C-alpha atoms as a PDB file:
ATOM      1  CA  MET A   1      35.994 -13.432  11.167  1.00  0.00           C
ATOM      2  CA  LYS A   2      34.778  -9.961  10.206  1.00  0.00           C
ATOM      3  CA  THR A   3      31.143  -9.483   9.369  1.00  0.00           C
ATOM      4  CA  PRO A   4      30.807  -7.812   5.958  1.00  0.00           C
ATOM      5  CA  LYS A   5      29.117  -4.435   5.940  1.00  0.00           C
ATOM      6  CA  LYS A   6      25.620  -4.467   4.584  1.00  0.00           C
ATOM      7  CA  THR A   7      24.969  -2.260   1.608  1.00  0.00           C
ATOM      8  CA  PRO A   8      21.894  -0.162   2.284  1.00  0.00           C
ATOM      9  CA  ALA A   9      18.916  -1.147   0.167  1.00  0.00           C
ATOM     10  CA  PRO A  10      17.917   1.377  -2.485  1.00  0.00           C
ATOM     11  CA  ALA A  11      14.881   3.508  -1.777  1.00  0.00           C
ATOM     12  CA  LYS A  12      11.553   1.973  -2.747  1.00  0.00           C
ATOM     13  CA  SER A  13      11.259   4.556  -5.498  1.00  0.00           C
ATOM     14  CA  GLY A  14      14.475   3.333  -7.129  1.00  0.00           C
ATOM     15  CA  LEU A  15      17.224   5.378  -8.679  1.00  0.00           C
ATOM     16  CA  THR A  16      16.848   8.262 -11.095  1.00  0.00           C
ATOM     17  CA  ARG A  17      19.526  10.225 -12.899  1.00  0.00           C
ATOM     18  CA  HIS A  18      18.798  13.377 -14.886  1.00  0.00           C
ATOM     19  CA  ALA A  19      21.454  13.911 -17.545  1.00  0.00           C
ATOM     20  CA  ALA A  20      21.947  17.420 -18.895  1.00  0.00           C
ATOM     21  CA  SER A  21      22.575  15.978 -22.348  1.00  0.00           C
ATOM     22  CA  PRO A  22      22.694  12.550 -24.028  1.00  0.00           C
ATOM     23  CA  LYS A  23      26.511  12.640 -23.778  1.00  0.00           C
ATOM     24  CA  ALA A  24      26.231  12.661 -19.968  1.00  0.00           C
ATOM     25  CA  LEU A  25      24.243   9.408 -19.764  1.00  0.00           C
ATOM     26  CA  ALA A  26      25.748   6.616 -17.663  1.00  0.00           C
ATOM     27  CA  GLN A  27      24.158   3.656 -19.481  1.00  0.00           C
ATOM     28  CA  LEU A  28      23.642   4.565 -23.141  1.00  0.00           C
ATOM     29  CA  GLY A  29      26.840   3.967 -25.085  1.00  0.00           C
ATOM     30  CA  HIS A  30      28.413   2.170 -22.142  1.00  0.00           C
ATOM     31  CA  ALA A  31      28.402  -1.381 -20.825  1.00  0.00           C
ATOM     32  CA  ALA A  32      25.609  -1.596 -18.282  1.00  0.00           C
ATOM     33  CA  ALA A  33      24.958  -4.595 -16.070  1.00  0.00           C
ATOM     34  CA  GLN A  34      21.432  -5.923 -15.828  1.00  0.00           C
ATOM     35  CA  PRO A  35      19.966  -4.707 -12.494  1.00  0.00           C
ATOM     36  CA  LEU A  36      19.067  -7.528 -10.113  1.00  0.00           C
ATOM     37  CA  SER A  37      15.760  -5.936  -9.128  1.00  0.00           C
ATOM     38  CA  PRO A  38      13.557  -2.985 -10.087  1.00  0.00           C
ATOM     39  CA  ASP A  39      14.683  -1.130  -6.943  1.00  0.00           C
ATOM     40  CA  GLN A  40      18.299  -1.332  -8.146  1.00  0.00           C
ATOM     41  CA  ALA A  41      17.505  -0.193 -11.695  1.00  0.00           C
ATOM     42  CA  MET A  42      18.466   3.351 -12.655  1.00  0.00           C
ATOM     43  CA  LEU A  43      16.083   5.303 -14.858  1.00  0.00           C
ATOM     44  CA  GLU A  44      17.846   8.045 -16.771  1.00  0.00           C
ATOM     45  CA  THR A  45      16.228  11.086 -18.344  1.00  0.00           C
ATOM     46  CA  VAL A  46      17.371  13.774 -20.740  1.00  0.00           C
ATOM     47  CA  PRO A  47      15.854  17.173 -21.516  1.00  0.00           C
ATOM     48  CA  ASN A  48      12.780  17.120 -23.751  1.00  0.00           C
ATOM     49  CA  PRO A  49      13.943  18.281 -27.207  1.00  0.00           C
ATOM     50  CA  GLN A  50      10.469  19.753 -27.942  1.00  0.00           C
ATOM     51  CA  PRO A  51       9.345  21.228 -24.593  1.00  0.00           C
ATOM     52  CA  GLY A  52       6.615  23.483 -25.996  1.00  0.00           C
ATOM     53  CA  VAL A  53       4.947  20.793 -28.121  1.00  0.00           C
ATOM     54  CA  THR A  54       2.193  18.409 -27.043  1.00  0.00           C
ATOM     55  CA  TYR A  55       3.218  15.028 -28.423  1.00  0.00           C
ATOM     56  CA  LEU A  56       2.996  11.380 -27.442  1.00  0.00           C
ATOM     57  CA  ILE A  57       5.875   8.989 -26.850  1.00  0.00           C
ATOM     58  CA  ARG A  58       5.017   5.272 -26.907  1.00  0.00           C
ATOM     59  CA  PHE A  59       7.110   2.364 -25.690  1.00  0.00           C
ATOM     60  CA  THR A  60       5.923  -1.175 -26.341  1.00  0.00           C
ATOM     61  CA  GLN A  61       7.390  -4.164 -24.510  1.00  0.00           C
ATOM     62  CA  PRO A  62       5.714  -7.268 -26.004  1.00  0.00           C
ATOM     63  CA  GLU A  63       7.843  -9.753 -24.052  1.00  0.00           C
ATOM     64  CA  PHE A  64       7.733  -8.448 -20.478  1.00  0.00           C
ATOM     65  CA  THR A  65       8.323 -11.081 -17.793  1.00  0.00           C
ATOM     66  CA  SER A  66       8.131 -11.214 -14.020  1.00  0.00           C
ATOM     67  CA  LEU A  67       7.621 -13.955 -11.458  1.00  0.00           C
ATOM     68  CA  CYS A  68       4.492 -14.994  -9.608  1.00  0.00           C
ATOM     69  CA  PRO A  69       5.177 -14.079  -5.970  1.00  0.00           C
ATOM     70  CA  MET A  70       3.414 -17.227  -4.761  1.00  0.00           C
ATOM     71  CA  THR A  71       4.698 -19.956  -7.099  1.00  0.00           C
ATOM     72  CA  GLY A  72       7.854 -18.446  -8.570  1.00  0.00           C
ATOM     73  CA  GLN A  73       6.576 -19.348 -12.039  1.00  0.00           C
ATOM     74  CA  PRO A  74       7.129 -16.832 -14.856  1.00  0.00           C
ATOM     75  CA  ASP A  75       4.372 -14.450 -15.896  1.00  0.00           C
ATOM     76  CA  PHE A  76       4.292 -12.784 -19.307  1.00  0.00           C
ATOM     77  CA  ALA A  77       2.763  -9.525 -20.473  1.00  0.00           C
ATOM     78  CA  HIS A  78       2.589  -7.142 -23.385  1.00  0.00           C
ATOM     79  CA  LEU A  79       3.117  -3.623 -22.009  1.00  0.00           C
ATOM     80  CA  VAL A  80       2.240  -0.390 -23.789  1.00  0.00           C
ATOM     81  CA  ILE A  81       3.468   2.817 -22.154  1.00  0.00           C
ATOM     82  CA  ASP A  82       2.245   6.160 -23.524  1.00  0.00           C
ATOM     83  CA  TYR A  83       3.289   9.514 -22.151  1.00  0.00           C
ATOM     84  CA  VAL A  84       3.322  13.216 -22.924  1.00  0.00           C
ATOM     85  CA  PRO A  85       6.644  14.621 -21.781  1.00  0.00           C
ATOM     86  CA  ASN A  86       7.117  17.727 -19.724  1.00  0.00           C
ATOM     87  CA  ARG A  87      10.734  18.830 -19.170  1.00  0.00           C
ATOM     88  CA  GLN A  88      12.323  15.367 -19.287  1.00  0.00           C
ATOM     89  CA  ILE A  89      12.049  12.270 -21.487  1.00  0.00           C
ATOM     90  CA  ILE A  90      13.055   8.784 -20.438  1.00  0.00           C
ATOM     91  CA  GLU A  91      16.157   7.312 -22.056  1.00  0.00           C
ATOM     92  CA  SER A  92      15.167   4.042 -23.747  1.00  0.00           C
ATOM     93  CA  LYS A  93      18.150   1.870 -22.748  1.00  0.00           C
ATOM     94  CA  SER A  94      17.581   2.673 -19.079  1.00  0.00           C
ATOM     95  CA  LEU A  95      13.894   1.830 -19.550  1.00  0.00           C
ATOM     96  CA  LYS A  96      14.799  -1.528 -21.152  1.00  0.00           C
ATOM     97  CA  LEU A  97      17.151  -2.372 -18.283  1.00  0.00           C
ATOM     98  CA  PHE A  98      14.494  -1.338 -15.761  1.00  0.00           C
ATOM     99  CA  LEU A  99      11.790  -3.454 -17.405  1.00  0.00           C
ATOM    100  CA  ASN A 100      14.155  -6.428 -17.726  1.00  0.00           C
ATOM    101  CA  SER A 101      14.937  -6.182 -13.994  1.00  0.00           C
ATOM    102  CA  PHE A 102      11.459  -7.606 -13.321  1.00  0.00           C
ATOM    103  CA  ARG A 103      12.488 -11.011 -14.768  1.00  0.00           C
ATOM    104  CA  ASN A 104      13.546 -12.278 -11.332  1.00  0.00           C
ATOM    105  CA  HIS A 105      11.141 -10.097  -9.338  1.00  0.00           C
ATOM    106  CA  GLY A 106       8.115 -11.633  -7.681  1.00  0.00           C
ATOM    107  CA  ALA A 107       5.015  -9.424  -7.763  1.00  0.00           C
ATOM    108  CA  PHE A 108       1.395  -9.640  -8.786  1.00  0.00           C
ATOM    109  CA  HIS A 109       0.378  -8.280 -12.198  1.00  0.00           C
ATOM    110  CA  GLU A 110      -1.298  -5.255 -10.657  1.00  0.00           C
ATOM    111  CA  ASP A 111       1.787  -4.327  -8.628  1.00  0.00           C
ATOM    112  CA  CYS A 112       4.172  -4.702 -11.574  1.00  0.00           C
ATOM    113  CA  THR A 113       2.031  -2.569 -13.895  1.00  0.00           C
ATOM    114  CA  VAL A 114       1.285   0.240 -11.443  1.00  0.00           C
ATOM    115  CA  SER A 115       4.840   0.254 -10.003  1.00  0.00           C
ATOM    116  CA  ILE A 116       6.292   0.751 -13.483  1.00  0.00           C
ATOM    117  CA  ALA A 117       3.981   3.714 -14.048  1.00  0.00           C
ATOM    118  CA  GLN A 118       4.811   5.229 -10.660  1.00  0.00           C
ATOM    119  CA  ARG A 119       8.565   4.929 -11.208  1.00  0.00           C
ATOM    120  CA  LEU A 120       8.274   6.599 -14.612  1.00  0.00           C
ATOM    121  CA  VAL A 121       6.146   9.413 -13.189  1.00  0.00           C
ATOM    122  CA  ALA A 122       8.622   9.947 -10.337  1.00  0.00           C
ATOM    123  CA  ALA A 123      11.593   9.928 -12.732  1.00  0.00           C
ATOM    124  CA  MET A 124      10.365  12.378 -15.351  1.00  0.00           C
ATOM    125  CA  ARG A 125       7.188  14.091 -14.102  1.00  0.00           C
ATOM    126  CA  PRO A 126       5.363  13.818 -17.456  1.00  0.00           C
ATOM    127  CA  ARG A 127       2.351  15.941 -18.336  1.00  0.00           C
ATOM    128  CA  TRP A 128       0.403  12.682 -18.712  1.00  0.00           C
ATOM    129  CA  LEU A 129       1.112   8.950 -18.670  1.00  0.00           C
ATOM    130  CA  ARG A 130      -0.822   5.745 -19.170  1.00  0.00           C
ATOM    131  CA  ILE A 131       0.189   2.093 -19.179  1.00  0.00           C
ATOM    132  CA  GLY A 132      -1.662  -0.956 -20.420  1.00  0.00           C
ATOM    133  CA  GLY A 133      -0.476  -4.252 -18.985  1.00  0.00           C
ATOM    134  CA  TYR A 134      -1.933  -7.058 -21.096  1.00  0.00           C
ATOM    135  CA  TRP A 135      -1.047 -10.176 -19.103  1.00  0.00           C
ATOM    136  CA  TYR A 136      -1.210 -13.658 -20.545  1.00  0.00           C
ATOM    137  CA  PRO A 137      -3.381 -16.199 -18.699  1.00  0.00           C
ATOM    138  CA  ARG A 138      -2.466 -17.453 -15.266  1.00  0.00           C
ATOM    139  CA  GLY A 139      -4.697 -20.273 -14.092  1.00  0.00           C
ATOM    140  CA  GLY A 140      -6.670 -19.979 -17.325  1.00  0.00           C
ATOM    141  CA  MET A 141      -7.543 -16.286 -16.814  1.00  0.00           C
ATOM    142  CA  PRO A 142      -5.845 -13.323 -18.488  1.00  0.00           C
ATOM    143  CA  ILE A 143      -5.513 -10.224 -16.314  1.00  0.00           C
ATOM    144  CA  ASP A 144      -5.255  -6.794 -17.916  1.00  0.00           C
ATOM    145  CA  VAL A 145      -4.164  -3.844 -15.778  1.00  0.00           C
ATOM    146  CA  PHE A 146      -4.558  -0.190 -16.829  1.00  0.00           C
ATOM    147  CA  TYR A 147      -3.326   2.974 -15.135  1.00  0.00           C
ATOM    148  CA  GLN A 148      -3.181   6.625 -16.106  1.00  0.00           C
ATOM    149  CA  THR A 149      -2.353   9.840 -14.334  1.00  0.00           C
ATOM    150  CA  GLY A 150      -5.466  11.766 -15.393  1.00  0.00           C
ATOM    151  CA  LYS A 151      -7.088  13.101 -18.537  1.00  0.00           C
ATOM    152  CA  PRO A 152      -4.870  13.347 -21.624  1.00  0.00           C
ATOM    153  CA  PRO A 153      -3.923  16.890 -22.658  1.00  0.00           C
ATOM    154  CA  ALA A 154      -6.304  18.659 -25.032  1.00  0.00           C
ATOM    155  CA  GLY A 155      -5.369  18.346 -28.689  1.00  0.00           C
ATOM    156  CA  LEU A 156      -3.256  15.211 -28.205  1.00  0.00           C
ATOM    157  CA  TRP A 157      -3.396  12.577 -30.932  1.00  0.00           C
ATOM    158  CA  LEU A 158      -3.879   9.456 -28.857  1.00  0.00           C
ATOM    159  CA  PRO A 159      -3.962   6.264 -30.902  1.00  0.00           C
ATOM    160  CA  GLU A 160      -5.456   3.079 -29.477  1.00  0.00           C
ATOM    161  CA  GLN A 161      -2.911   0.834 -27.798  1.00  0.00           C
ATOM    162  CA  GLY A 162      -3.553  -1.809 -30.457  1.00  0.00           C
ATOM    163  CA  VAL A 163      -3.468  -4.874 -28.214  1.00  0.00           C
ATOM    164  CA  ALA A 164      -6.433  -7.166 -28.729  1.00  0.00           C
ATOM    165  CA  SER A 165      -8.178  -8.787 -25.798  1.00  0.00           C
ATOM    166  CA  TYR A 166      -6.958 -12.310 -25.165  1.00  0.00           C
ATOM    167  CA  ARG A 167      -8.809 -14.806 -27.377  1.00  0.00           C
ATOM    168  CA  GLY A 168      -6.934 -18.037 -26.752  1.00  0.00           C
ATOM    169  CA  ARG A 169      -6.490 -20.181 -29.836  1.00  0.00           C
ATOM    170  CA  GLY A 170      -9.518 -18.723 -31.624  1.00  0.00           C
END
């Protein structure tokens, strides 16, 4: 019996594809399978349509899920991702597929939140990025994780993320 060849594991940083135009995207407008893990997810970017303008792009994922690496139980978070683009912007369908790839991925809250930010920074090299990971309680304690690449650019309108601290049933 022949031993099947092993497919090499994707790089820790995952896959990135820079499309020259929206028409060249591999996922948007096409059937795209849900990646089995964040490392297998492809983040696609397109050129920034307003490269000389300082503006904020916000993505909100109120139903983010991952797995506890110790118990395998699901963890839930409300993510808010803000960034100021440079030359590239992230394509939203690829971002949705990437975020959904965490559903069967075991990692602590801190690792999930910071890893998402690092993948986005590596994919598009924004002028600035921040992420707020507002995690629902595990063991009776909510854990919020925040990350940003530095100071926001001068003159940027930066609204609050709008996610209240966890208050339970009150």
